[in-house]
């Protein structure tokens, strides 16, 4: 079973930037597509971005396009968040595709995942 550890969250002013990191262990990291989700207080967890196993294809929710960038290396997946807005305040979670060599698409549904990490809190002040 995959274990997920997110880090890099914090408190930032609107317009600022943060870079989140995620380590996934338990399976061969480099052959699995990865995703980021977030959950704001009182709201459902929502998809933010995903990246295929090779790093060649990326997908974003509309509200973060042009501001957030998902990337990966051999050990971690990252979420670079620029031009942050108060509406981005949430706990951010990463996750891993069920099957290897995924294309990164179709990872938006919560039912796609069996386990979650603790997440990392991002707070954007106005």
C-alpha atoms as a PDB file:
ATOM      1  CA  UNK A   1       0.000   0.000   0.000  1.00  0.00           C
ATOM      2  CA  UNK A   2       1.260   3.457  -0.828  1.00  0.00           C
ATOM      3  CA  UNK A   3       2.249   5.869   1.936  1.00  0.00           C
ATOM      4  CA  UNK A   4       1.995   9.583   1.173  1.00  0.00           C
ATOM      5  CA  UNK A   5       3.716  12.455   2.952  1.00  0.00           C
ATOM      6  CA  UNK A   6       3.045  16.029   1.926  1.00  0.00           C
ATOM      7  CA  UNK A   7       5.058  19.063   3.022  1.00  0.00           C
ATOM      8  CA  UNK A   8       5.708  22.685   2.200  1.00  0.00           C
ATOM      9  CA  UNK A   9       2.492  24.317   3.288  1.00  0.00           C
ATOM     10  CA  UNK A  10       2.319  27.493   5.316  1.00  0.00           C
ATOM     11  CA  UNK A  11       0.861  30.952   5.697  1.00  0.00           C
ATOM     12  CA  UNK A  12       1.352  33.354   2.817  1.00  0.00           C
ATOM     13  CA  UNK A  13      -0.134  36.664   1.740  1.00  0.00           C
ATOM     14  CA  UNK A  14      -2.316  36.908  -1.331  1.00  0.00           C
ATOM     15  CA  UNK A  15      -0.145  37.116  -4.429  1.00  0.00           C
ATOM     16  CA  UNK A  16       2.590  35.060  -2.821  1.00  0.00           C
ATOM     17  CA  UNK A  17       3.987  31.644  -3.704  1.00  0.00           C
ATOM     18  CA  UNK A  18       4.511  28.261  -2.116  1.00  0.00           C
ATOM     19  CA  UNK A  19       5.992  25.019  -3.311  1.00  0.00           C
ATOM     20  CA  UNK A  20       4.501  21.805  -2.021  1.00  0.00           C
ATOM     21  CA  UNK A  21       6.311  18.477  -2.079  1.00  0.00           C
ATOM     22  CA  UNK A  22       5.110  14.917  -1.774  1.00  0.00           C
ATOM     23  CA  UNK A  23       6.898  11.670  -1.204  1.00  0.00           C
ATOM     24  CA  UNK A  24       5.098   8.436  -2.035  1.00  0.00           C
ATOM     25  CA  UNK A  25       6.581   5.179  -0.811  1.00  0.00           C
ATOM     26  CA  UNK A  26       5.543   1.555  -0.983  1.00  0.00           C
ATOM     27  CA  UNK A  27       5.658   1.227  -4.751  1.00  0.00           C
ATOM     28  CA  UNK A  28       8.074   2.239  -7.497  1.00  0.00           C
ATOM     29  CA  UNK A  29       7.384   5.956  -7.570  1.00  0.00           C
ATOM     30  CA  UNK A  30       8.706   6.725 -11.017  1.00  0.00           C
ATOM     31  CA  UNK A  31       6.189   4.604 -12.927  1.00  0.00           C
ATOM     32  CA  UNK A  32       2.984   5.995 -11.402  1.00  0.00           C
ATOM     33  CA  UNK A  33       1.001   9.062 -12.332  1.00  0.00           C
ATOM     34  CA  UNK A  34       0.499  11.474  -9.439  1.00  0.00           C
ATOM     35  CA  UNK A  35      -2.122  13.983  -8.444  1.00  0.00           C
ATOM     36  CA  UNK A  36      -2.814  16.839  -6.037  1.00  0.00           C
ATOM     37  CA  UNK A  37      -6.115  17.533  -4.305  1.00  0.00           C
ATOM     38  CA  UNK A  38      -7.240  20.085  -1.769  1.00  0.00           C
ATOM     39  CA  UNK A  39      -9.966  20.431   0.813  1.00  0.00           C
ATOM     40  CA  UNK A  40     -11.131  23.744   2.168  1.00  0.00           C
ATOM     41  CA  UNK A  41     -13.043  23.996   5.461  1.00  0.00           C
ATOM     42  CA  UNK A  42     -16.623  22.847   5.021  1.00  0.00           C
ATOM     43  CA  UNK A  43     -16.083  21.817   1.420  1.00  0.00           C
ATOM     44  CA  UNK A  44     -15.512  18.587  -0.431  1.00  0.00           C
ATOM     45  CA  UNK A  45     -12.053  17.495  -1.424  1.00  0.00           C
ATOM     46  CA  UNK A  46     -11.362  18.573  -4.998  1.00  0.00           C
ATOM     47  CA  UNK A  47      -8.921  17.778  -7.747  1.00  0.00           C
ATOM     48  CA  UNK A  48      -6.177  20.318  -8.370  1.00  0.00           C
ATOM     49  CA  UNK A  49      -3.680  18.803 -10.799  1.00  0.00           C
ATOM     50  CA  UNK A  50      -2.208  15.565 -12.112  1.00  0.00           C
ATOM     51  CA  UNK A  51       0.855  14.467 -14.017  1.00  0.00           C
ATOM     52  CA  UNK A  52       1.516  11.299 -15.953  1.00  0.00           C
ATOM     53  CA  UNK A  53       4.176   8.795 -14.993  1.00  0.00           C
ATOM     54  CA  UNK A  54       6.794  10.310 -17.314  1.00  0.00           C
ATOM     55  CA  UNK A  55       6.067  13.951 -16.519  1.00  0.00           C
ATOM     56  CA  UNK A  56       5.076  14.683 -20.080  1.00  0.00           C
ATOM     57  CA  UNK A  57       1.353  15.355 -19.588  1.00  0.00           C
ATOM     58  CA  UNK A  58      -0.226  17.598 -16.974  1.00  0.00           C
ATOM     59  CA  UNK A  59      -3.819  18.431 -16.108  1.00  0.00           C
ATOM     60  CA  UNK A  60      -5.262  21.228 -13.957  1.00  0.00           C
ATOM     61  CA  UNK A  61      -8.576  22.409 -12.628  1.00  0.00           C
ATOM     62  CA  UNK A  62      -9.616  25.584 -14.366  1.00  0.00           C
ATOM     63  CA  UNK A  63      -9.251  27.862 -11.350  1.00  0.00           C
ATOM     64  CA  UNK A  64      -5.525  27.155 -10.982  1.00  0.00           C
ATOM     65  CA  UNK A  65      -4.467  27.109 -14.631  1.00  0.00           C
ATOM     66  CA  UNK A  66      -1.696  29.602 -15.251  1.00  0.00           C
ATOM     67  CA  UNK A  67      -0.931  29.894 -11.528  1.00  0.00           C
ATOM     68  CA  UNK A  68      -0.047  26.365 -10.403  1.00  0.00           C
ATOM     69  CA  UNK A  69       2.468  23.969 -11.929  1.00  0.00           C
ATOM     70  CA  UNK A  70       2.744  20.275 -11.155  1.00  0.00           C
ATOM     71  CA  UNK A  71       6.097  18.608 -11.731  1.00  0.00           C
ATOM     72  CA  UNK A  72       8.012  15.560 -10.652  1.00  0.00           C
ATOM     73  CA  UNK A  73      11.462  14.083 -10.385  1.00  0.00           C
ATOM     74  CA  UNK A  74      12.575  10.582  -9.603  1.00  0.00           C
ATOM     75  CA  UNK A  75      11.553  10.803  -5.960  1.00  0.00           C
ATOM     76  CA  UNK A  76       8.901  13.472  -5.450  1.00  0.00           C
ATOM     77  CA  UNK A  77       5.973  15.273  -6.971  1.00  0.00           C
ATOM     78  CA  UNK A  78       5.718  19.036  -6.554  1.00  0.00           C
ATOM     79  CA  UNK A  79       3.079  21.700  -6.781  1.00  0.00           C
ATOM     80  CA  UNK A  80       4.401  25.193  -7.427  1.00  0.00           C
ATOM     81  CA  UNK A  81       1.697  27.669  -6.496  1.00  0.00           C
ATOM     82  CA  UNK A  82       2.038  31.287  -7.620  1.00  0.00           C
ATOM     83  CA  UNK A  83      -0.304  34.252  -7.391  1.00  0.00           C
ATOM     84  CA  UNK A  84      -2.049  32.626  -4.479  1.00  0.00           C
ATOM     85  CA  UNK A  85      -5.546  33.772  -3.578  1.00  0.00           C
ATOM     86  CA  UNK A  86      -7.493  33.449  -0.322  1.00  0.00           C
ATOM     87  CA  UNK A  87      -9.707  30.942  -2.137  1.00  0.00           C
ATOM     88  CA  UNK A  88      -6.692  28.619  -2.384  1.00  0.00           C
ATOM     89  CA  UNK A  89      -6.712  28.167   1.390  1.00  0.00           C
ATOM     90  CA  UNK A  90      -7.075  24.448   2.055  1.00  0.00           C
ATOM     91  CA  UNK A  91      -5.332  21.291   3.145  1.00  0.00           C
ATOM     92  CA  UNK A  92      -3.459  19.943   0.147  1.00  0.00           C
ATOM     93  CA  UNK A  93      -3.045  16.232  -0.501  1.00  0.00           C
ATOM     94  CA  UNK A  94      -1.097  14.246  -3.058  1.00  0.00           C
ATOM     95  CA  UNK A  95      -1.997  10.823  -4.331  1.00  0.00           C
ATOM     96  CA  UNK A  96      -0.873   8.115  -6.681  1.00  0.00           C
ATOM     97  CA  UNK A  97      -2.564   6.336  -9.551  1.00  0.00           C
ATOM     98  CA  UNK A  98      -3.768   2.792  -9.026  1.00  0.00           C
ATOM     99  CA  UNK A  99      -1.969   1.290 -11.981  1.00  0.00           C
ATOM    100  CA  UNK A 100       1.526   1.992 -13.330  1.00  0.00           C
ATOM    101  CA  UNK A 101       2.284   3.927 -16.496  1.00  0.00           C
ATOM    102  CA  UNK A 102      -0.869   6.008 -16.252  1.00  0.00           C
ATOM    103  CA  UNK A 103      -1.362   8.973 -18.562  1.00  0.00           C
ATOM    104  CA  UNK A 104      -2.388  11.333 -15.766  1.00  0.00           C
ATOM    105  CA  UNK A 105      -5.916  11.864 -17.043  1.00  0.00           C
ATOM    106  CA  UNK A 106      -9.047  10.596 -15.341  1.00  0.00           C
ATOM    107  CA  UNK A 107      -7.594  11.041 -11.866  1.00  0.00           C
ATOM    108  CA  UNK A 108     -10.173  13.576 -10.701  1.00  0.00           C
ATOM    109  CA  UNK A 109     -12.511  11.256  -8.838  1.00  0.00           C
ATOM    110  CA  UNK A 110     -12.010  10.629  -5.131  1.00  0.00           C
ATOM    111  CA  UNK A 111     -13.205   7.065  -5.643  1.00  0.00           C
ATOM    112  CA  UNK A 112     -10.052   6.464  -7.662  1.00  0.00           C
ATOM    113  CA  UNK A 113      -8.009   6.377  -4.454  1.00  0.00           C
ATOM    114  CA  UNK A 114      -7.843   4.007  -1.498  1.00  0.00           C
ATOM    115  CA  UNK A 115      -5.636   5.911   0.893  1.00  0.00           C
ATOM    116  CA  UNK A 116      -4.643   9.477   1.754  1.00  0.00           C
ATOM    117  CA  UNK A 117      -1.847  11.146   3.623  1.00  0.00           C
ATOM    118  CA  UNK A 118      -2.130  13.792   6.320  1.00  0.00           C
ATOM    119  CA  UNK A 119      -1.959  16.664   3.894  1.00  0.00           C
ATOM    120  CA  UNK A 120      -0.273  20.029   4.316  1.00  0.00           C
ATOM    121  CA  UNK A 121      -2.107  23.204   5.277  1.00  0.00           C
ATOM    122  CA  UNK A 122      -1.963  26.210   2.961  1.00  0.00           C
ATOM    123  CA  UNK A 123      -3.396  29.455   4.285  1.00  0.00           C
ATOM    124  CA  UNK A 124      -3.560  32.547   2.097  1.00  0.00           C
ATOM    125  CA  UNK A 125      -4.320  35.809   3.853  1.00  0.00           C
ATOM    126  CA  UNK A 126      -5.948  38.737   2.098  1.00  0.00           C
END
